[in-house]
Amino acid sequence: MVVMLVGCGQHAAYVCASDSQCVLAGVQGACEPDGHCAFPDSACAEGLRYEPNAGDGFGGQCVGEVDGGIGACGTMGNACCATGPACGNNTFCDGGTCKQCITEVALGVRHSCFLKYDGTVWCSGADDDGQLGNAATSTLPTATPVQVRDSTTAPITDATAIGAGQVNACAIRAGGAPWCWGLNDGCTDGGQLGDGTTNDSNAAVKVLREDGMPFTNVAEIAGDYCQTCARETGGALWCWGDRRSGSLGDGGAMSHAKAVPVRAAAGNMPVTNAAQLSLNGGHACYRTATNEVWCWGSNFAGQIGDGSKTDRPNPVHVFDGIALASGRNHVCAIKADNSVWCWGAGFQGRLGNGLGDRDAGSALDQPTPAPVVTAVGGAAFAGAMSVAAGASSCAILANKDLYCWGVNNYGQTGTGPGTYVPMPVLKADGTPLKNVARVVAQFNRTCAFTTDGGLYCFGRNSEGELGDGTFKNVGLATPVKLSCP
């Protein structure tokens, strides 16, 4: 029962598990799906009001009218609110129901791209190399997202997924065909757009396979500083761009401006069993359906994880995990016991071991997987379900809380002052960000989708990368909302 009755004077939030626990002054209440008690009140549209001490900001509010509440009006999949804003963060009212506006984000160094519910792609931030993809001649940064167009200048309206590299971005279109735009002549040889040239493009161009066959079933695409890679639904991996450090994974020493298959070993058969792909900092990794983690490419800081600092032009098996993320010169993955392990460059705290002296250089590198901890020399950080990595690293726990650690020069950990061990991401009001469903981290920015359809981002925004109309870096989780009908 609700022992915290108003007359009893208890002020801590009460969490219920069944209706029988919700009794207030002799009145039977209901245990809402969010774990808070609510009681009859005819002044509320749904006839129920949360008890005064309910947590998460629900206290005293009408059920169905709390922003972010499970089953509340204004949240994804629920009714539009009759009063106030019809729908909340990153949702819009469509036929009386709130639907998600932005479904995916892709983060470059100085630009971001957003995939909307209708298959359109919008980008904001820097545009000095065409990375906004809107076929415009202007190269000025913009804090208002512009629509990506293809090489015919027609708007892309059939995208199903997106990815971004340092100064380019890509979209997977209907049928699984990848298209890319932006910088195409960076690094030594270029070719990151995969169209057979090294010409930059301010509009999306179609990626070509070196064998002349069309792509028809790409499910995932990701970019890096000098290369781009894609994963097909059947598990095959393809990469294109600059050859440096074996980053294309084909075992060769040549750059390729068209897609070539990643190969299990030099001259051997192509990889066909990838279930997840991740790349960053000149290296790449994939996870198989049986949770083997394989990595290749640049290894100067031990980011391959095989105990050496020797570049690997073909994938090597380094870990067994249920999820992985390649960060800037480091990799993090989750073991079957839900503990987080990282390896590679250790400066600025990106390995989550509490160590991060910027001046320590390679002394903090970790060329084999090591556990992320709660404090220096402390217990292993456990309970993680998914992980993301850019310059910083993040993990979502089983209770859907988001923790981040590492580089925080732009506020990309979302923890306020920053931390070298996992700490909760905070909202602008200083409370932890809750109910996180997905997190994306790359380069110097992080975005998190919440279970109610919301989208929060933080990190570098000095060139309008977050598309919120401002040019100011954000150090705490801030709502992002593009206009939707």
Foldseek 3Di string as FASTA:
>chain_A
DQPVAVVVPDQAAAFADAQVNAAHPNFGFGQDPVRFTWGADPVAPVRIATDQRHPPPRHRHHAQPDAPDVQHQQFAQHFQDPDDGRHDFQWDADPRGTHGFFDDKADAQFKIWTQTPQQWIWMFGFCQFLQRQQQDPDGAGFLATDTHAAPVNHGGRAFDYKYDEHFKIWTQGAQGWIWIAGQAQPDDRGLARQPQDSHHHNHTDTHAAPVRDTGGFWDDKYYERFKIKTAGPQGWIWMAGACALLLRQAQDRHHHNHIDTRCQYHVHDGTGFFDDKEDYQQKIWTAGPQQWIWIFGQQCLLQRAPPDRHGGNHIDTADGADEKYDENQKIWGAHPQAFIKMFGDCAQLQGQQQDHPNPPGSPRGGNHIDFHAQHNVHHGDGQFDYKYYYQKIWTQGPQRWIWIAGDCPLLARQCPPGGSHTDFRAAPVGHGDGQWDDKYDHHFKIWTAHPRNWIWIFGQCLSSNLSPRDRGGGNGTDTGYRDDD
